[in-house]
Amino acid sequence: MSEPNPLTSAVKVAGEAFVAPGSSLILDGKIGPGALHLVGGLAAKALIGPIGLFLVAANSYSESVTQKGLIAHAKGVGQDVANATDGDPNT
């Protein structure tokens, strides 16, 4: 994967923060996933408040920049930890 352009990244972050969740995906041309993040973000805000909106926006940005959502990143960290300890929880 090539290095992200800082200006593009800044526009994507601003879109997620000040416009709507899914903005960065829509800027990438991924209209369907962007629209799902928009609807999901509004639903999350209604159900659990601003933290829900923030998490959906963060997931959208993550998918836009790394092609992996937050859950995929969390799973990767868990696997890295398991590999580092070679399955031994005492190390």
N, C-alpha and C. Protein backbone atom coordinates (compact mmCIF):
# COMPACT_ATOMS: atom_id res chain seq x y z
N MET A 1 0.85 -1.17 0.00
CA MET A 1 0.00 0.00 0.00
C MET A 1 0.89 1.24 0.00
N SER A 2 0.54 2.23 -0.80
CA SER A 2 1.34 3.44 -0.89
C SER A 2 1.08 4.34 0.33
N GLU A 3 2.01 5.24 0.54
CA GLU A 3 1.87 6.18 1.65
C GLU A 3 0.67 7.10 1.39
N PRO A 4 -0.16 7.32 2.41
CA PRO A 4 -1.30 8.21 2.22
C PRO A 4 -0.85 9.67 2.11
N ASN A 5 -1.55 10.42 1.30
CA ASN A 5 -1.29 11.85 1.15
C ASN A 5 -1.82 12.57 2.40
N PRO A 6 -0.99 13.35 3.08
CA PRO A 6 -1.44 14.03 4.30
C PRO A 6 -2.65 14.95 4.08
N LEU A 7 -2.70 15.63 2.95
CA LEU A 7 -3.83 16.52 2.68
C LEU A 7 -5.12 15.71 2.51
N THR A 8 -5.03 14.60 1.79
CA THR A 8 -6.19 13.73 1.61
C THR A 8 -6.65 13.18 2.95
N SER A 9 -5.71 12.76 3.77
CA SER A 9 -6.06 12.24 5.09
C SER A 9 -6.74 13.30 5.94
N ALA A 10 -6.24 14.53 5.87
CA ALA A 10 -6.84 15.63 6.65
C ALA A 10 -8.27 15.91 6.18
N VAL A 11 -8.50 15.88 4.87
CA VAL A 11 -9.84 16.11 4.34
C VAL A 11 -10.77 14.99 4.80
N LYS A 12 -10.28 13.75 4.79
CA LYS A 12 -11.10 12.62 5.23
C LYS A 12 -11.45 12.73 6.71
N VAL A 13 -10.50 13.07 7.54
CA VAL A 13 -10.76 13.23 8.97
C VAL A 13 -11.76 14.35 9.21
N ALA A 14 -11.57 15.47 8.51
CA ALA A 14 -12.50 16.60 8.66
C ALA A 14 -13.91 16.20 8.21
N GLY A 15 -14.00 15.43 7.14
CA GLY A 15 -15.30 14.97 6.68
C GLY A 15 -15.99 14.09 7.70
N GLU A 16 -15.23 13.18 8.28
CA GLU A 16 -15.81 12.29 9.30
C GLU A 16 -16.24 13.09 10.53
N ALA A 17 -15.44 14.07 10.91
CA ALA A 17 -15.72 14.83 12.14
C ALA A 17 -16.81 15.89 11.97
N PHE A 18 -16.81 16.56 10.84
CA PHE A 18 -17.69 17.73 10.70
C PHE A 18 -18.83 17.57 9.70
N VAL A 19 -18.78 16.55 8.85
CA VAL A 19 -19.84 16.35 7.87
C VAL A 19 -20.72 15.18 8.30
N ALA A 20 -20.19 13.96 8.16
CA ALA A 20 -20.97 12.78 8.55
C ALA A 20 -20.08 11.55 8.51
N PRO A 21 -20.41 10.54 9.32
CA PRO A 21 -19.69 9.28 9.21
C PRO A 21 -19.87 8.72 7.80
N GLY A 22 -18.83 8.13 7.26
CA GLY A 22 -18.89 7.58 5.92
C GLY A 22 -18.34 8.52 4.87
N SER A 23 -18.03 9.75 5.25
CA SER A 23 -17.54 10.73 4.28
C SER A 23 -16.26 10.26 3.60
N SER A 24 -15.34 9.69 4.34
CA SER A 24 -14.07 9.27 3.74
C SER A 24 -14.29 8.14 2.73
N LEU A 25 -15.21 7.24 3.02
CA LEU A 25 -15.50 6.17 2.08
C LEU A 25 -16.16 6.72 0.82
N ILE A 26 -17.06 7.68 0.98
CA ILE A 26 -17.71 8.30 -0.17
C ILE A 26 -16.67 9.03 -1.03
N LEU A 27 -15.70 9.70 -0.39
CA LEU A 27 -14.63 10.35 -1.14
C LEU A 27 -13.80 9.35 -1.93
N ASP A 28 -13.70 8.12 -1.43
CA ASP A 28 -12.98 7.06 -2.14
C ASP A 28 -13.81 6.45 -3.26
N GLY A 29 -15.07 6.87 -3.38
CA GLY A 29 -15.94 6.31 -4.40
C GLY A 29 -16.72 5.10 -3.94
N LYS A 30 -16.63 4.77 -2.66
CA LYS A 30 -17.35 3.62 -2.10
C LYS A 30 -18.67 4.12 -1.51
N ILE A 31 -19.63 4.38 -2.41
CA ILE A 31 -20.89 5.01 -2.01
C ILE A 31 -21.71 4.12 -1.08
N GLY A 32 -21.82 2.83 -1.42
CA GLY A 32 -22.62 1.91 -0.59
C GLY A 32 -22.12 1.82 0.84
N PRO A 33 -20.83 1.46 1.04
CA PRO A 33 -20.32 1.40 2.41
C PRO A 33 -20.36 2.76 3.12
N GLY A 34 -20.15 3.84 2.37
CA GLY A 34 -20.23 5.18 2.97
C GLY A 34 -21.64 5.47 3.47
N ALA A 35 -22.63 5.11 2.66
CA ALA A 35 -24.02 5.34 3.06
C ALA A 35 -24.40 4.48 4.27
N LEU A 36 -23.90 3.24 4.29
CA LEU A 36 -24.17 2.38 5.45
C LEU A 36 -23.55 2.96 6.72
N HIS A 37 -22.36 3.52 6.61
CA HIS A 37 -21.73 4.15 7.78
C HIS A 37 -22.51 5.39 8.21
N LEU A 38 -23.04 6.12 7.25
CA LEU A 38 -23.85 7.30 7.59
C LEU A 38 -25.08 6.88 8.38
N VAL A 39 -25.82 5.92 7.86
CA VAL A 39 -27.03 5.44 8.55
C VAL A 39 -26.66 4.82 9.90
N GLY A 40 -25.61 4.00 9.90
CA GLY A 40 -25.17 3.37 11.15
C GLY A 40 -24.72 4.39 12.19
N GLY A 41 -24.04 5.44 11.74
CA GLY A 41 -23.58 6.48 12.65
C GLY A 41 -24.73 7.24 13.28
N LEU A 42 -25.74 7.55 12.46
CA LEU A 42 -26.90 8.25 13.00
C LEU A 42 -27.69 7.36 13.97
N ALA A 43 -27.79 6.08 13.64
CA ALA A 43 -28.48 5.14 14.54
C ALA A 43 -27.69 4.98 15.84
N ALA A 44 -26.36 4.86 15.73
CA ALA A 44 -25.53 4.72 16.93
C ALA A 44 -25.63 5.95 17.82
N LYS A 45 -25.68 7.14 17.20
CA LYS A 45 -25.81 8.36 17.98
C LYS A 45 -27.15 8.39 18.71
N ALA A 46 -28.20 7.94 18.03
CA ALA A 46 -29.53 7.94 18.65
C ALA A 46 -29.61 6.92 19.79
N LEU A 47 -28.93 5.78 19.62
CA LEU A 47 -29.02 4.71 20.61
C LEU A 47 -28.07 4.87 21.79
N ILE A 48 -26.81 5.24 21.50
CA ILE A 48 -25.83 5.29 22.60
C ILE A 48 -25.11 6.62 22.74
N GLY A 49 -25.49 7.59 21.90
CA GLY A 49 -24.93 8.93 22.05
C GLY A 49 -23.71 9.20 21.19
N PRO A 50 -23.02 10.28 21.48
CA PRO A 50 -21.90 10.72 20.65
C PRO A 50 -20.77 9.69 20.52
N ILE A 51 -20.56 8.87 21.53
CA ILE A 51 -19.50 7.86 21.43
C ILE A 51 -19.80 6.88 20.31
N GLY A 52 -21.07 6.55 20.12
CA GLY A 52 -21.45 5.67 19.02
C GLY A 52 -21.15 6.29 17.68
N LEU A 53 -21.48 7.56 17.54
CA LEU A 53 -21.18 8.29 16.31
C LEU A 53 -19.68 8.33 16.06
N PHE A 54 -18.91 8.58 17.11
CA PHE A 54 -17.45 8.61 16.98
C PHE A 54 -16.89 7.27 16.54
N LEU A 55 -17.38 6.17 17.12
CA LEU A 55 -16.87 4.85 16.76
C LEU A 55 -17.17 4.50 15.32
N VAL A 56 -18.36 4.83 14.85
CA VAL A 56 -18.71 4.54 13.45
C VAL A 56 -17.86 5.40 12.52
N ALA A 57 -17.65 6.67 12.85
CA ALA A 57 -16.81 7.53 12.03
C ALA A 57 -15.36 7.03 12.02
N ALA A 58 -14.86 6.59 13.17
CA ALA A 58 -13.49 6.06 13.24
C ALA A 58 -13.36 4.79 12.40
N ASN A 59 -14.39 3.94 12.43
CA ASN A 59 -14.36 2.73 11.62
C ASN A 59 -14.36 3.08 10.13
N SER A 60 -15.16 4.06 9.74
CA SER A 60 -15.21 4.49 8.34
C SER A 60 -13.85 4.99 7.88
N TYR A 61 -13.23 5.84 8.68
CA TYR A 61 -11.91 6.37 8.33
C TYR A 61 -10.89 5.24 8.25
N SER A 62 -10.93 4.32 9.21
CA SER A 62 -10.01 3.20 9.20
C SER A 62 -10.17 2.36 7.94
N GLU A 63 -11.41 2.06 7.56
CA GLU A 63 -11.64 1.29 6.34
C GLU A 63 -11.16 2.04 5.10
N SER A 64 -11.32 3.34 5.10
CA SER A 64 -10.90 4.15 3.96
C SER A 64 -9.39 4.15 3.80
N VAL A 65 -8.68 4.28 4.91
CA VAL A 65 -7.23 4.44 4.85
C VAL A 65 -6.49 3.10 4.80
N THR A 66 -6.97 2.10 5.54
CA THR A 66 -6.23 0.84 5.64
C THR A 66 -6.95 -0.35 5.02
N GLN A 67 -8.17 -0.15 4.53
CA GLN A 67 -9.02 -1.22 4.00
C GLN A 67 -9.36 -2.27 5.05
N LYS A 68 -9.23 -1.91 6.31
CA LYS A 68 -9.61 -2.78 7.43
C LYS A 68 -10.38 -1.96 8.45
N GLY A 69 -11.47 -2.52 8.97
CA GLY A 69 -12.23 -1.85 10.01
C GLY A 69 -11.57 -1.98 11.37
N LEU A 70 -12.15 -1.34 12.36
CA LEU A 70 -11.58 -1.36 13.71
C LEU A 70 -11.56 -2.77 14.30
N ILE A 71 -12.59 -3.56 14.04
CA ILE A 71 -12.63 -4.92 14.58
C ILE A 71 -11.51 -5.76 13.98
N ALA A 72 -11.27 -5.63 12.68
CA ALA A 72 -10.17 -6.36 12.04
C ALA A 72 -8.83 -5.96 12.64
N HIS A 73 -8.66 -4.67 12.92
CA HIS A 73 -7.41 -4.22 13.56
C HIS A 73 -7.28 -4.81 14.97
N ALA A 74 -8.38 -4.84 15.71
CA ALA A 74 -8.34 -5.39 17.07
C ALA A 74 -7.99 -6.88 17.03
N LYS A 75 -8.57 -7.60 16.08
CA LYS A 75 -8.24 -9.03 15.95
C LYS A 75 -6.77 -9.22 15.62
N GLY A 76 -6.25 -8.34 14.76
CA GLY A 76 -4.83 -8.42 14.41
C GLY A 76 -3.93 -8.19 15.61
N VAL A 77 -4.30 -7.26 16.48
CA VAL A 77 -3.52 -7.00 17.69
C VAL A 77 -3.56 -8.23 18.60
N GLY A 78 -4.74 -8.83 18.74
CA GLY A 78 -4.86 -10.04 19.56
C GLY A 78 -4.01 -11.17 19.04
N GLN A 79 -3.96 -11.32 17.73
CA GLN A 79 -3.13 -12.37 17.14
C GLN A 79 -1.65 -12.06 17.34
N ASP A 80 -1.29 -10.79 17.21
CA ASP A 80 0.11 -10.40 17.43
C ASP A 80 0.54 -10.71 18.86
N VAL A 81 -0.33 -10.43 19.82
CA VAL A 81 -0.01 -10.70 21.22
C VAL A 81 0.12 -12.20 21.44
N ALA A 82 -0.79 -12.97 20.87
CA ALA A 82 -0.73 -14.43 21.02
C ALA A 82 0.54 -14.98 20.40
N ASN A 83 0.94 -14.46 19.26
CA ASN A 83 2.17 -14.93 18.61
C ASN A 83 3.40 -14.52 19.41
N ALA A 84 3.37 -13.36 20.04
CA ALA A 84 4.52 -12.88 20.81
C ALA A 84 4.75 -13.73 22.05
N THR A 85 3.66 -14.25 22.63
CA THR A 85 3.81 -15.05 23.83
C THR A 85 3.88 -16.54 23.52
N ASP A 86 3.77 -16.89 22.23
CA ASP A 86 3.80 -18.30 21.79
C ASP A 86 2.76 -19.13 22.52
N GLY A 87 1.63 -18.51 22.82
CA GLY A 87 0.55 -19.24 23.47
C GLY A 87 0.71 -19.42 24.97
N ASP A 88 1.82 -18.95 25.53
CA ASP A 88 2.05 -19.09 26.97
C ASP A 88 1.61 -17.82 27.66
N PRO A 89 0.48 -17.85 28.39
CA PRO A 89 -0.01 -16.63 29.04
C PRO A 89 0.87 -16.14 30.19
N ASN A 90 1.85 -16.92 30.60
CA ASN A 90 2.71 -16.53 31.72
C ASN A 90 3.92 -15.74 31.28
N THR A 91 4.06 -15.47 29.97
CA THR A 91 5.23 -14.72 29.52
C THR A 91 4.86 -13.33 29.11
